[in-house]
């Protein structure tokens, strides 16, 4: 069967969304239900077209997340399982480590809190590092104190997604590209695509940047809503990429789910700085100037957008400035790695994250799953969703088959 074939008119389970989470869920369902007819619908002409392939490839160890949250539990579990999976499939994996560096006295309490969270979450090998020890791990980094996570890794999530797709098809599932969900009804679970309708007994919507629209169409809650956040990277010139061995991160703002301008040595050896975090004019705004009237209108009409900007106006301004003036972003990174010059960087890739906001402008930080009848909707799957994909897929499959 070709991935360009039209979807079936009926199936037992439909999965909407061919990103890494949708593929992991489809794979898990097919392995559990080998006799079920399962199809996966993807709007684009390729898999992993958005968030799954527009990231730095960092496999998080679990330092940042609130103890007891789904993100904390599934990150630690998921990272271990993902490492095993990549080893079995001979997929890219490099445990290059992460150094979270405090450069001012004001950041030290935040570093203390990250250490507490990491140890509570069971992060393997986590160690506090004195100022004089930093250069032994990252020779170009400087700071007052740091937290070292030696098993933080980098990989290629697009390759992992492709492997999940192969597993799913090998288990009997079918993938249908160019099949966006135009509408869905939850009473009789009928999904309409451009090439026809699919009647299904159960459905799982892993729609990422479109997750709120499909959930609401199926009778789900009116909130949270997705506000697209564009993250732009700078790329350090190849002859200067050896400034960083692994990952060097700042101490993040505890009130925001963004990790600040950090430096990541990717699986291909490139050195990236970023990402920024600016509200975008489209849900696929890989160019900072891209606008879509529907997307922008929904963002501006959602009260949570204005609530977010009121609560975090200073951070919103800083992120917009970093997005528009790359030298400013390079300057922030130079606080961590002083040898980095603004002439060392050039424009890099960009991605758009699906940021869920409630009506008051509060950021939804944990994974969020909602059920409407026999349909399950992944309403929020922020980082570390890719890291957690195998463990998260088990949780979603439990809900879908309940």
Foldseek 3Di string as FASTA:
>chain_A
DDQADDDDQEWAEEEEAQALQSLLLLLVLLVVCLPGAYEYEYQAQDGNPAPLQFDQQKLDQQLQDDPPFPQLQLSNVLLVVVVVVCVVVVFFKDQLKEKAAAADPVCVVLQVSSVVRCVSSPRPPKDKAAQVCPCVSQVQFGHGIIIIRRRTMGGRSVVVSVVSNVSSVVSPYHHHYNWHFPAFEQVQTWTATPVGIYGYNFYEYPPFQCQQVHQVRHVHDNFFHWFKWKWWKKWFAQVCLSSGRAKYFYSDDSQDPDGAFIWGLHSVRIIITITFTAGAQDNFCFDRPDHDVVNNVVLVPQQLNVLQCVVPVVSNVLSVVCVVDVLSSQVVHCSGRVVRHSVRIDTDTMHIGTWTTGSNNHTDDGFDWDDRNLYITRNDQDPPCSSSSNVVSVVVSVVNVD
